[in-house]
Protein backbone atom coordinates (compact mmCIF):
# COMPACT_ATOMS: atom_id res chain seq x y z
CA UNK A 1 11.25 10.82 7.78
CA UNK A 2 13.17 7.59 7.83
CA UNK A 3 13.96 7.29 4.13
CA UNK A 4 13.71 9.04 0.76
CA UNK A 5 10.24 7.62 0.09
CA UNK A 6 8.90 9.21 3.28
CA UNK A 7 10.65 12.44 2.42
CA UNK A 8 9.21 12.50 -1.11
CA UNK A 9 5.69 11.95 0.24
CA UNK A 10 6.14 14.86 2.64
CA UNK A 11 7.48 17.04 -0.20
CA UNK A 12 4.47 16.15 -2.39
CA UNK A 13 2.08 17.16 0.39
CA UNK A 14 3.99 20.44 0.81
CA UNK A 15 3.59 21.05 -2.94
CA UNK A 16 -0.19 20.77 -2.53
CA UNK A 17 -0.29 22.94 0.59
CA UNK A 18 1.89 25.70 -0.87
CA UNK A 19 0.06 25.80 -4.22
CA UNK A 20 -3.64 25.25 -3.44
CA UNK A 21 -4.95 27.15 -6.49
CA UNK A 22 -2.61 25.31 -8.87
CA UNK A 23 -3.20 21.73 -7.74
CA UNK A 24 -5.88 19.05 -7.70
CA UNK A 25 -6.28 15.97 -5.51
CA UNK A 26 -8.70 13.70 -7.35
CA UNK A 27 -7.94 11.10 -9.95
CA UNK A 28 -5.91 12.38 -12.88
CA UNK A 29 -7.82 12.46 -16.17
CA UNK A 30 -7.31 9.66 -18.68
CA UNK A 31 -5.49 12.08 -20.98
CA UNK A 32 -3.18 14.60 -19.34
CA UNK A 33 -2.26 17.97 -20.80
CA UNK A 34 1.43 17.70 -19.86
CA UNK A 35 3.80 15.63 -17.73
CA UNK A 36 7.00 17.47 -16.85
CA UNK A 37 9.54 15.60 -14.72
CA UNK A 38 11.94 17.44 -12.42
CA UNK A 39 14.98 16.37 -10.44
CA UNK A 40 15.09 18.45 -7.26
CA UNK A 41 18.46 18.79 -5.55
CA UNK A 42 18.39 20.00 -1.95
CA UNK A 43 20.57 21.81 0.56
CA UNK A 44 21.05 20.23 3.99
CA UNK A 45 18.08 22.17 5.40
CA UNK A 46 15.77 21.04 2.57
CA UNK A 47 16.00 24.23 0.54
CA UNK A 48 16.18 23.93 -3.23
CA UNK A 49 19.76 24.00 -4.48
CA UNK A 50 19.05 23.15 -8.10
CA UNK A 51 16.25 21.92 -10.36
CA UNK A 52 16.99 19.88 -13.45
CA UNK A 53 14.32 19.23 -16.07
CA UNK A 54 14.36 15.52 -16.91
CA UNK A 55 11.35 15.60 -19.23
CA UNK A 56 9.88 18.53 -21.14
CA UNK A 57 6.39 17.97 -22.52
CA UNK A 58 5.86 18.70 -26.20
CA UNK A 59 2.46 20.18 -25.45
CA UNK A 60 2.02 23.03 -22.93
CA UNK A 61 5.76 23.67 -22.40
CA UNK A 62 4.91 26.45 -19.93
CA UNK A 63 4.02 23.74 -17.41
CA UNK A 64 7.75 23.14 -16.82
CA UNK A 65 8.19 26.65 -15.41
CA UNK A 66 4.93 26.32 -13.50
CA UNK A 67 6.24 23.13 -11.84
CA UNK A 68 9.62 24.72 -11.07
CA UNK A 69 7.95 27.76 -9.50
CA UNK A 70 5.69 25.50 -7.43
CA UNK A 71 8.72 23.63 -6.08
CA UNK A 72 10.46 26.86 -5.10
CA UNK A 73 7.31 28.15 -3.35
CA UNK A 74 7.06 24.91 -1.38
CA UNK A 75 10.62 24.88 -0.04
CA UNK A 76 12.18 24.23 2.36
CA UNK A 77 11.05 20.62 2.51
CA UNK A 78 12.81 19.73 5.77
CA UNK A 79 16.27 18.71 6.93
CA UNK A 80 17.92 15.96 4.86
CA UNK A 81 21.24 15.56 6.74
CA UNK A 82 20.11 12.19 8.11
CA UNK A 83 19.35 10.81 4.63
CA UNK A 84 21.94 9.31 2.27
CA UNK A 85 23.47 11.52 -0.40
CA UNK A 86 22.92 12.70 -3.01
CA UNK A 87 20.21 14.90 -1.53
CA UNK A 88 17.84 14.86 -4.47
CA UNK A 89 14.63 13.28 -5.68
CA UNK A 90 12.47 13.27 -8.81
CA UNK A 91 8.89 14.41 -9.09
CA UNK A 92 6.47 13.89 -11.96
CA UNK A 93 3.84 16.62 -12.37
CA UNK A 94 0.49 15.45 -13.79
CA UNK A 95 -1.12 18.53 -15.38
CA UNK A 96 -4.78 18.47 -16.35
CA UNK A 97 -6.46 20.66 -19.00
CA UNK A 98 -7.00 23.43 -16.42
CA UNK A 99 -3.20 23.63 -15.99
CA UNK A 100 -3.47 22.36 -12.43
CA UNK A 101 -1.09 19.63 -11.29
CA UNK A 102 -0.91 16.67 -8.99
CA UNK A 103 2.44 15.21 -7.89
CA UNK A 104 2.70 11.64 -9.20
CA UNK A 105 4.04 10.61 -5.79
CA UNK A 106 0.51 10.96 -4.39
CA UNK A 107 -1.00 8.51 -6.87
CA UNK A 108 -1.65 5.00 -5.47
């Protein structure tokens, strides 16, 4: 991974692979159930150091914890020592009515 964009794409794919029953890959619906946004801070090896909630949805607030748990299950995301600090990135979780998510990073 040459830059943070490459790293974030890899992390989004890891989110899908580590949470196959909680994710979807098709187009998001026109109206989403919830859109939590997380800032994910990493250790040098790509493990999760800290998660900060940047946006809590008013509807389906439980999706925040679901997204945080999915991130923790997906870690480590790979070594970040070669990337500029701070070692963190944001991810937007697009939850549908079935409470399954797609990382926004994977949307065209």
